[in-house]
Amino acid sequence: MKLSPLMFGFCLAAAAHLALADDAPAAPTPGTPTKQVMNDLRTACATDVQKLCPGVQPGGGRIVACLKEHKDEVSDVCKQAILKAKQNPAQ
């Protein structure tokens, strides 16, 4: 199943807030990454989502959960983009 760009971006925003941490909060914190950070995140993590989470339907935090399950396999490029997105929420 192919993800729409909007849904994929939303899932990656959620992943950025969770930052693949074991002690992540149950709900995302207020604020979302800027549009440029989201574009960087989408680009950096697209391959990881396709490789690690094929067939995972978007919505309900399923892609975020999948990335968390595979956090040791997520590429360094994606991890860095997630950290950047977490550090640069919109004001």
PDB file of N, CA and C in Angstrom:
ATOM      1  N   MET A   1       0.838  -1.173   0.000  1.00  0.00           N
ATOM      2  CA  MET A   1       0.000   0.000   0.000  1.00  0.00           C
ATOM      3  C   MET A   1       0.884   1.237   0.000  1.00  0.00           C
ATOM      4  N   LYS A   2       0.549   2.177  -0.864  1.00  0.00           N
ATOM      5  CA  LYS A   2       1.322   3.409  -0.965  1.00  0.00           C
ATOM      6  C   LYS A   2       0.688   4.481  -0.092  1.00  0.00           C
ATOM      7  N   LEU A   3       1.503   5.186   0.682  1.00  0.00           N
ATOM      8  CA  LEU A   3       1.020   6.231   1.576  1.00  0.00           C
ATOM      9  C   LEU A   3       0.866   7.536   0.820  1.00  0.00           C
ATOM     10  N   SER A   4      -0.200   8.269   1.111  1.00  0.00           N
ATOM     11  CA  SER A   4      -0.343   9.595   0.531  1.00  0.00           C
ATOM     12  C   SER A   4       0.700  10.501   1.171  1.00  0.00           C
ATOM     13  N   PRO A   5       1.176  11.522   0.450  1.00  0.00           N
ATOM     14  CA  PRO A   5       2.178  12.421   1.032  1.00  0.00           C
ATOM     15  C   PRO A   5       1.697  13.085   2.317  1.00  0.00           C
ATOM     16  N   LEU A   6       0.427  13.463   2.374  1.00  0.00           N
ATOM     17  CA  LEU A   6      -0.093  14.109   3.574  1.00  0.00           C
ATOM     18  C   LEU A   6      -0.081  13.154   4.763  1.00  0.00           C
ATOM     19  N   MET A   7      -0.574  11.935   4.576  1.00  0.00           N
ATOM     20  CA  MET A   7      -0.616  10.964   5.669  1.00  0.00           C
ATOM     21  C   MET A   7       0.796  10.571   6.084  1.00  0.00           C
ATOM     22  N   PHE A   8       1.682  10.408   5.109  1.00  0.00           N
ATOM     23  CA  PHE A   8       3.052  10.047   5.413  1.00  0.00           C
ATOM     24  C   PHE A   8       3.708  11.148   6.241  1.00  0.00           C
ATOM     25  N   GLY A   9       3.458  12.402   5.864  1.00  0.00           N
ATOM     26  CA  GLY A   9       4.001  13.522   6.623  1.00  0.00           C
ATOM     27  C   GLY A   9       3.471  13.562   8.035  1.00  0.00           C
ATOM     28  N   PHE A  10       2.187  13.298   8.198  1.00  0.00           N
ATOM     29  CA  PHE A  10       1.595  13.283   9.536  1.00  0.00           C
ATOM     30  C   PHE A  10       2.228  12.189  10.390  1.00  0.00           C
ATOM     31  N   CYS A  11       2.410  11.026   9.811  1.00  0.00           N
ATOM     32  CA  CYS A  11       3.019   9.920  10.559  1.00  0.00           C
ATOM     33  C   CYS A  11       4.452  10.250  10.967  1.00  0.00           C
ATOM     34  N   LEU A  12       5.175  10.877  10.071  1.00  0.00           N
ATOM     35  CA  LEU A  12       6.546  11.231  10.400  1.00  0.00           C
ATOM     36  C   LEU A  12       6.605  12.339  11.446  1.00  0.00           C
ATOM     37  N   ALA A  13       5.623  13.237  11.427  1.00  0.00           N
ATOM     38  CA  ALA A  13       5.574  14.261  12.472  1.00  0.00           C
ATOM     39  C   ALA A  13       5.383  13.617  13.833  1.00  0.00           C
ATOM     40  N   ALA A  14       4.508  12.638  13.881  1.00  0.00           N
ATOM     41  CA  ALA A  14       4.295  11.921  15.139  1.00  0.00           C
ATOM     42  C   ALA A  14       5.576  11.201  15.555  1.00  0.00           C
ATOM     43  N   ALA A  15       6.253  10.621  14.593  1.00  0.00           N
ATOM     44  CA  ALA A  15       7.511   9.931  14.903  1.00  0.00           C
ATOM     45  C   ALA A  15       8.547  10.909  15.430  1.00  0.00           C
ATOM     46  N   ALA A  16       8.557  12.109  14.861  1.00  0.00           N
ATOM     47  CA  ALA A  16       9.512  13.112  15.325  1.00  0.00           C
ATOM     48  C   ALA A  16       9.247  13.475  16.776  1.00  0.00           C
ATOM     49  N   HIS A  17       7.988  13.615  17.136  1.00  0.00           N
ATOM     50  CA  HIS A  17       7.662  13.948  18.522  1.00  0.00           C
ATOM     51  C   HIS A  17       8.038  12.810  19.463  1.00  0.00           C
ATOM     52  N   LEU A  18       7.854  11.614  19.017  1.00  0.00           N
ATOM     53  CA  LEU A  18       8.188  10.469  19.870  1.00  0.00           C
ATOM     54  C   LEU A  18       9.685  10.201  19.890  1.00  0.00           C
ATOM     55  N   ALA A  19      10.341  10.591  18.820  1.00  0.00           N
ATOM     56  CA  ALA A  19      11.799  10.438  18.683  1.00  0.00           C
ATOM     57  C   ALA A  19      12.278   9.025  19.008  1.00  0.00           C
ATOM     58  N   LEU A  20      11.423   8.082  18.784  1.00  0.00           N
ATOM     59  CA  LEU A  20      11.777   6.678  18.949  1.00  0.00           C
ATOM     60  C   LEU A  20      12.302   6.340  20.345  1.00  0.00           C
ATOM     61  N   ALA A  21      11.907   7.122  21.331  1.00  0.00           N
ATOM     62  CA  ALA A  21      12.368   6.907  22.704  1.00  0.00           C
ATOM     63  C   ALA A  21      11.446   5.934  23.433  1.00  0.00           C
ATOM     64  N   ASP A  22      12.020   5.129  24.291  1.00  0.00           N
ATOM     65  CA  ASP A  22      11.237   4.189  25.089  1.00  0.00           C
ATOM     66  C   ASP A  22      10.356   4.905  26.102  1.00  0.00           C
ATOM     67  N   ASP A  23      10.783   6.058  26.557  1.00  0.00           N
ATOM     68  CA  ASP A  23      10.038   6.782  27.576  1.00  0.00           C
ATOM     69  C   ASP A  23       9.209   7.921  26.984  1.00  0.00           C
ATOM     70  N   ALA A  24       8.789   7.756  25.739  1.00  0.00           N
ATOM     71  CA  ALA A  24       8.018   8.799  25.062  1.00  0.00           C
ATOM     72  C   ALA A  24       6.657   8.969  25.720  1.00  0.00           C
ATOM     73  N   PRO A  25       6.131  10.184  25.709  1.00  0.00           N
ATOM     74  CA  PRO A  25       4.803  10.412  26.282  1.00  0.00           C
ATOM     75  C   PRO A  25       3.729   9.718  25.469  1.00  0.00           C
ATOM     76  N   ALA A  26       2.596   9.449  26.095  1.00  0.00           N
ATOM     77  CA  ALA A  26       1.507   8.759  25.415  1.00  0.00           C
ATOM     78  C   ALA A  26       0.921   9.611  24.304  1.00  0.00           C
ATOM     79  N   ALA A  27       0.862  10.912  24.476  1.00  0.00           N
ATOM     80  CA  ALA A  27       0.315  11.812  23.467  1.00  0.00           C
ATOM     81  C   ALA A  27       1.412  12.761  22.991  1.00  0.00           C
ATOM     82  N   PRO A  28       1.359  13.152  21.709  1.00  0.00           N
ATOM     83  CA  PRO A  28       2.367  14.080  21.216  1.00  0.00           C
ATOM     84  C   PRO A  28       2.296  15.414  21.958  1.00  0.00           C
ATOM     85  N   THR A  29       3.437  16.059  22.089  1.00  0.00           N
ATOM     86  CA  THR A  29       3.480  17.367  22.734  1.00  0.00           C
ATOM     87  C   THR A  29       2.963  18.421  21.769  1.00  0.00           C
ATOM     88  N   PRO A  30       2.498  19.561  22.292  1.00  0.00           N
ATOM     89  CA  PRO A  30       1.990  20.613  21.417  1.00  0.00           C
ATOM     90  C   PRO A  30       3.066  21.128  20.467  1.00  0.00           C
ATOM     91  N   GLY A  31       2.653  21.625  19.325  1.00  0.00           N
ATOM     92  CA  GLY A  31       3.578  22.165  18.332  1.00  0.00           C
ATOM     93  C   GLY A  31       3.973  21.097  17.340  1.00  0.00           C
ATOM     94  N   THR A  32       4.165  21.502  16.131  1.00  0.00           N
ATOM     95  CA  THR A  32       4.596  20.577  15.096  1.00  0.00           C
ATOM     96  C   THR A  32       5.830  21.154  14.425  1.00  0.00           C
ATOM     97  N   PRO A  33       6.620  20.299  13.789  1.00  0.00           N
ATOM     98  CA  PRO A  33       7.811  20.797  13.108  1.00  0.00           C
ATOM     99  C   PRO A  33       7.433  21.753  11.974  1.00  0.00           C
ATOM    100  N   THR A  34       8.363  22.627  11.603  1.00  0.00           N
ATOM    101  CA  THR A  34       8.126  23.547  10.494  1.00  0.00           C
ATOM    102  C   THR A  34       8.001  22.769   9.190  1.00  0.00           C
ATOM    103  N   LYS A  35       7.474  23.427   8.173  1.00  0.00           N
ATOM    104  CA  LYS A  35       7.267  22.774   6.879  1.00  0.00           C
ATOM    105  C   LYS A  35       8.597  22.262   6.308  1.00  0.00           C
ATOM    106  N   GLN A  36       9.646  23.063   6.411  1.00  0.00           N
ATOM    107  CA  GLN A  36      10.945  22.641   5.886  1.00  0.00           C
ATOM    108  C   GLN A  36      11.478  21.426   6.647  1.00  0.00           C
ATOM    109  N   VAL A  37      11.349  21.436   7.961  1.00  0.00           N
ATOM    110  CA  VAL A  37      11.806  20.301   8.766  1.00  0.00           C
ATOM    111  C   VAL A  37      11.000  19.059   8.390  1.00  0.00           C
ATOM    112  N   MET A  38       9.688  19.233   8.172  1.00  0.00           N
ATOM    113  CA  MET A  38       8.848  18.097   7.768  1.00  0.00           C
ATOM    114  C   MET A  38       9.290  17.542   6.422  1.00  0.00           C
ATOM    115  N   ASN A  39       9.618  18.419   5.476  1.00  0.00           N
ATOM    116  CA  ASN A  39      10.095  17.954   4.174  1.00  0.00           C
ATOM    117  C   ASN A  39      11.390  17.174   4.326  1.00  0.00           C
ATOM    118  N   ASP A  40      12.298  17.685   5.155  1.00  0.00           N
ATOM    119  CA  ASP A  40      13.564  16.984   5.415  1.00  0.00           C
ATOM    120  C   ASP A  40      13.306  15.623   6.055  1.00  0.00           C
ATOM    121  N   LEU A  41      12.384  15.598   6.997  1.00  0.00           N
ATOM    122  CA  LEU A  41      12.047  14.360   7.695  1.00  0.00           C
ATOM    123  C   LEU A  41      11.447  13.342   6.738  1.00  0.00           C
ATOM    124  N   ARG A  42      10.525  13.796   5.899  1.00  0.00           N
ATOM    125  CA  ARG A  42       9.883  12.909   4.927  1.00  0.00           C
ATOM    126  C   ARG A  42      10.925  12.298   3.995  1.00  0.00           C
ATOM    127  N   THR A  43      11.838  13.136   3.515  1.00  0.00           N
ATOM    128  CA  THR A  43      12.876  12.665   2.610  1.00  0.00           C
ATOM    129  C   THR A  43      13.820  11.688   3.312  1.00  0.00           C
ATOM    130  N   ALA A  44      14.231  12.040   4.516  1.00  0.00           N
ATOM    131  CA  ALA A  44      15.210  11.228   5.244  1.00  0.00           C
ATOM    132  C   ALA A  44      14.665   9.872   5.667  1.00  0.00           C
ATOM    133  N   CYS A  45      13.371   9.789   5.953  1.00  0.00           N
ATOM    134  CA  CYS A  45      12.809   8.561   6.518  1.00  0.00           C
ATOM    135  C   CYS A  45      11.970   7.728   5.555  1.00  0.00           C
ATOM    136  N   ALA A  46      11.763   8.210   4.347  1.00  0.00           N
ATOM    137  CA  ALA A  46      10.903   7.492   3.400  1.00  0.00           C
ATOM    138  C   ALA A  46      11.376   6.060   3.169  1.00  0.00           C
ATOM    139  N   THR A  47      12.655   5.882   2.954  1.00  0.00           N
ATOM    140  CA  THR A  47      13.196   4.542   2.700  1.00  0.00           C
ATOM    141  C   THR A  47      13.034   3.643   3.921  1.00  0.00           C
ATOM    142  N   ASP A  48      13.237   4.202   5.109  1.00  0.00           N
ATOM    143  CA  ASP A  48      13.092   3.422   6.338  1.00  0.00           C
ATOM    144  C   ASP A  48      11.657   2.921   6.504  1.00  0.00           C
ATOM    145  N   VAL A  49      10.689   3.802   6.260  1.00  0.00           N
ATOM    146  CA  VAL A  49       9.284   3.408   6.403  1.00  0.00           C
ATOM    147  C   VAL A  49       8.952   2.318   5.394  1.00  0.00           C
ATOM    148  N   GLN A  50       9.403   2.486   4.148  1.00  0.00           N
ATOM    149  CA  GLN A  50       9.120   1.479   3.118  1.00  0.00           C
ATOM    150  C   GLN A  50       9.811   0.152   3.424  1.00  0.00           C
ATOM    151  N   LYS A  51      11.032   0.216   3.923  1.00  0.00           N
ATOM    152  CA  LYS A  51      11.818  -0.992   4.184  1.00  0.00           C
ATOM    153  C   LYS A  51      11.375  -1.707   5.462  1.00  0.00           C
ATOM    154  N   LEU A  52      11.167  -0.944   6.532  1.00  0.00           N
ATOM    155  CA  LEU A  52      10.902  -1.538   7.839  1.00  0.00           C
ATOM    156  C   LEU A  52       9.422  -1.767   8.118  1.00  0.00           C
ATOM    157  N   CYS A  53       8.561  -1.045   7.428  1.00  0.00           N
ATOM    158  CA  CYS A  53       7.130  -1.094   7.742  1.00  0.00           C
ATOM    159  C   CYS A  53       6.261  -1.324   6.504  1.00  0.00           C
ATOM    160  N   PRO A  54       6.650  -2.236   5.616  1.00  0.00           N
ATOM    161  CA  PRO A  54       5.827  -2.452   4.427  1.00  0.00           C
ATOM    162  C   PRO A  54       4.465  -3.012   4.828  1.00  0.00           C
ATOM    163  N   GLY A  55       3.439  -2.511   4.198  1.00  0.00           N
ATOM    164  CA  GLY A  55       2.100  -3.013   4.473  1.00  0.00           C
ATOM    165  C   GLY A  55       1.453  -2.435   5.721  1.00  0.00           C
ATOM    166  N   VAL A  56       2.161  -1.629   6.485  1.00  0.00           N
ATOM    167  CA  VAL A  56       1.568  -1.014   7.671  1.00  0.00           C
ATOM    168  C   VAL A  56       0.668   0.119   7.206  1.00  0.00           C
ATOM    169  N   GLN A  57      -0.600   0.050   7.590  1.00  0.00           N
ATOM    170  CA  GLN A  57      -1.537   1.087   7.191  1.00  0.00           C
ATOM    171  C   GLN A  57      -1.360   2.318   8.066  1.00  0.00           C
ATOM    172  N   PRO A  58      -1.380   3.496   7.449  1.00  0.00           N
ATOM    173  CA  PRO A  58      -1.233   4.723   8.231  1.00  0.00           C
ATOM    174  C   PRO A  58      -2.458   4.984   9.089  1.00  0.00           C
ATOM    175  N   GLY A  59      -2.231   5.723  10.150  1.00  0.00           N
ATOM    176  CA  GLY A  59      -3.322   6.081  11.053  1.00  0.00           C
ATOM    177  C   GLY A  59      -3.203   5.350  12.374  1.00  0.00           C
ATOM    178  N   GLY A  60      -3.682   5.973  13.392  1.00  0.00           N
ATOM    179  CA  GLY A  60      -3.694   5.346  14.709  1.00  0.00           C
ATOM    180  C   GLY A  60      -2.321   5.102  15.298  1.00  0.00           C
ATOM    181  N   GLY A  61      -1.297   5.764  14.769  1.00  0.00           N
ATOM    182  CA  GLY A  61       0.052   5.592  15.305  1.00  0.00           C
ATOM    183  C   GLY A  61       0.746   4.310  14.892  1.00  0.00           C
ATOM    184  N   ARG A  62       0.200   3.606  13.888  1.00  0.00           N
ATOM    185  CA  ARG A  62       0.788   2.319  13.488  1.00  0.00           C
ATOM    186  C   ARG A  62       2.188   2.453  12.897  1.00  0.00           C
ATOM    187  N   ILE A  63       2.435   3.482  12.100  1.00  0.00           N
ATOM    188  CA  ILE A  63       3.769   3.646  11.516  1.00  0.00           C
ATOM    189  C   ILE A  63       4.766   4.050  12.597  1.00  0.00           C
ATOM    190  N   VAL A  64       4.349   4.922  13.480  1.00  0.00           N
ATOM    191  CA  VAL A  64       5.210   5.308  14.603  1.00  0.00           C
ATOM    192  C   VAL A  64       5.558   4.065  15.423  1.00  0.00           C
ATOM    193  N   ALA A  65       4.557   3.249  15.720  1.00  0.00           N
ATOM    194  CA  ALA A  65       4.803   2.026  16.493  1.00  0.00           C
ATOM    195  C   ALA A  65       5.762   1.107  15.752  1.00  0.00           C
ATOM    196  N   CYS A  66       5.594   1.006  14.451  1.00  0.00           N
ATOM    197  CA  CYS A  66       6.489   0.163  13.656  1.00  0.00           C
ATOM    198  C   CYS A  66       7.920   0.683  13.719  1.00  0.00           C
ATOM    199  N   LEU A  67       8.094   1.988  13.550  1.00  0.00           N
ATOM    200  CA  LEU A  67       9.441   2.558  13.628  1.00  0.00           C
ATOM    201  C   LEU A  67      10.054   2.356  15.009  1.00  0.00           C
ATOM    202  N   LYS A  68       9.232   2.464  16.052  1.00  0.00           N
ATOM    203  CA  LYS A  68       9.741   2.224  17.401  1.00  0.00           C
ATOM    204  C   LYS A  68      10.167   0.773  17.567  1.00  0.00           C
ATOM    205  N   GLU A  69       9.406  -0.150  16.989  1.00  0.00           N
ATOM    206  CA  GLU A  69       9.774  -1.574  17.062  1.00  0.00           C
ATOM    207  C   GLU A  69      11.105  -1.838  16.366  1.00  0.00           C
ATOM    208  N   HIS A  70      11.404  -1.047  15.353  1.00  0.00           N
ATOM    209  CA  HIS A  70      12.621  -1.229  14.564  1.00  0.00           C
ATOM    210  C   HIS A  70      13.634  -0.120  14.805  1.00  0.00           C
ATOM    211  N   LYS A  71      13.568   0.512  15.979  1.00  0.00           N
ATOM    212  CA  LYS A  71      14.413   1.691  16.210  1.00  0.00           C
ATOM    213  C   LYS A  71      15.900   1.411  16.047  1.00  0.00           C
ATOM    214  N   ASP A  72      16.338   0.202  16.294  1.00  0.00           N
ATOM    215  CA  ASP A  72      17.755  -0.120  16.129  1.00  0.00           C
ATOM    216  C   ASP A  72      18.144  -0.267  14.660  1.00  0.00           C
ATOM    217  N   GLU A  73      17.145  -0.376  13.782  1.00  0.00           N
ATOM    218  CA  GLU A  73      17.391  -0.544  12.354  1.00  0.00           C
ATOM    219  C   GLU A  73      17.172   0.747  11.560  1.00  0.00           C
ATOM    220  N   VAL A  74      16.624   1.772  12.187  1.00  0.00           N
ATOM    221  CA  VAL A  74      16.373   3.036  11.507  1.00  0.00           C
ATOM    222  C   VAL A  74      17.710   3.669  11.129  1.00  0.00           C
ATOM    223  N   SER A  75      17.784   4.187   9.911  1.00  0.00           N
ATOM    224  CA  SER A  75      19.039   4.762   9.419  1.00  0.00           C
ATOM    225  C   SER A  75      19.445   5.985  10.238  1.00  0.00           C
ATOM    226  N   ASP A  76      20.741   6.258  10.232  1.00  0.00           N
ATOM    227  CA  ASP A  76      21.252   7.432  10.939  1.00  0.00           C
ATOM    228  C   ASP A  76      20.681   8.717  10.356  1.00  0.00           C
ATOM    229  N   VAL A  77      20.482   8.752   9.054  1.00  0.00           N
ATOM    230  CA  VAL A  77      19.922   9.940   8.400  1.00  0.00           C
ATOM    231  C   VAL A  77      18.518  10.216   8.937  1.00  0.00           C
ATOM    232  N   CYS A  78      17.712   9.178   9.059  1.00  0.00           N
ATOM    233  CA  CYS A  78      16.349   9.327   9.577  1.00  0.00           C
ATOM    234  C   CYS A  78      16.379   9.732  11.048  1.00  0.00           C
ATOM    235  N   LYS A  79      17.233   9.102  11.831  1.00  0.00           N
ATOM    236  CA  LYS A  79      17.337   9.443  13.254  1.00  0.00           C
ATOM    237  C   LYS A  79      17.710  10.913  13.440  1.00  0.00           C
ATOM    238  N   GLN A  80      18.649  11.397  12.642  1.00  0.00           N
ATOM    239  CA  GLN A  80      19.062  12.794  12.749  1.00  0.00           C
ATOM    240  C   GLN A  80      17.918  13.738  12.372  1.00  0.00           C
ATOM    241  N   ALA A  81      17.151  13.371  11.352  1.00  0.00           N
ATOM    242  CA  ALA A  81      16.015  14.198  10.944  1.00  0.00           C
ATOM    243  C   ALA A  81      14.938  14.220  12.029  1.00  0.00           C
ATOM    244  N   ILE A  82      14.726  13.096  12.688  1.00  0.00           N
ATOM    245  CA  ILE A  82      13.751  13.025  13.778  1.00  0.00           C
ATOM    246  C   ILE A  82      14.199  13.929  14.926  1.00  0.00           C
ATOM    247  N   LEU A  83      15.473  13.856  15.280  1.00  0.00           N
ATOM    248  CA  LEU A  83      15.984  14.708  16.357  1.00  0.00           C
ATOM    249  C   LEU A  83      15.862  16.188  15.994  1.00  0.00           C
ATOM    250  N   LYS A  84      16.160  16.526  14.754  1.00  0.00           N
ATOM    251  CA  LYS A  84      16.044  17.916  14.312  1.00  0.00           C
ATOM    252  C   LYS A  84      14.590  18.378  14.394  1.00  0.00           C
ATOM    253  N   ALA A  85      13.673  17.534  13.964  1.00  0.00           N
ATOM    254  CA  ALA A  85      12.250  17.892  14.010  1.00  0.00           C
ATOM    255  C   ALA A  85      11.788  18.066  15.451  1.00  0.00           C
ATOM    256  N   LYS A  86      12.284  17.239  16.333  1.00  0.00           N
ATOM    257  CA  LYS A  86      11.891  17.342  17.737  1.00  0.00           C
ATOM    258  C   LYS A  86      12.431  18.633  18.360  1.00  0.00           C
ATOM    259  N   GLN A  87      13.593  19.074  17.929  1.00  0.00           N
ATOM    260  CA  GLN A  87      14.216  20.268  18.490  1.00  0.00           C
ATOM    261  C   GLN A  87      13.707  21.563  17.857  1.00  0.00           C
ATOM    262  N   ASN A  88      12.978  21.481  16.740  1.00  0.00           N
ATOM    263  CA  ASN A  88      12.546  22.676  16.028  1.00  0.00           C
ATOM    264  C   ASN A  88      11.042  22.721  15.822  1.00  0.00           C
ATOM    265  N   PRO A  89      10.242  22.682  16.883  1.00  0.00           N
ATOM    266  CA  PRO A  89       8.794  22.775  16.691  1.00  0.00           C
ATOM    267  C   PRO A  89       8.404  24.184  16.257  1.00  0.00           C
ATOM    268  N   ALA A  90       7.288  24.277  15.579  1.00  0.00           N
ATOM    269  CA  ALA A  90       6.784  25.598  15.170  1.00  0.00           C
ATOM    270  C   ALA A  90       6.442  26.413  16.407  1.00  0.00           C
ATOM    271  N   GLN A  91       6.667  27.679  16.347  1.00  0.00           N
ATOM    272  CA  GLN A  91       6.384  28.542  17.503  1.00  0.00           C
ATOM    273  C   GLN A  91       4.964  29.026  17.475  1.00  0.00           C
TER     274      GLN A  91
END
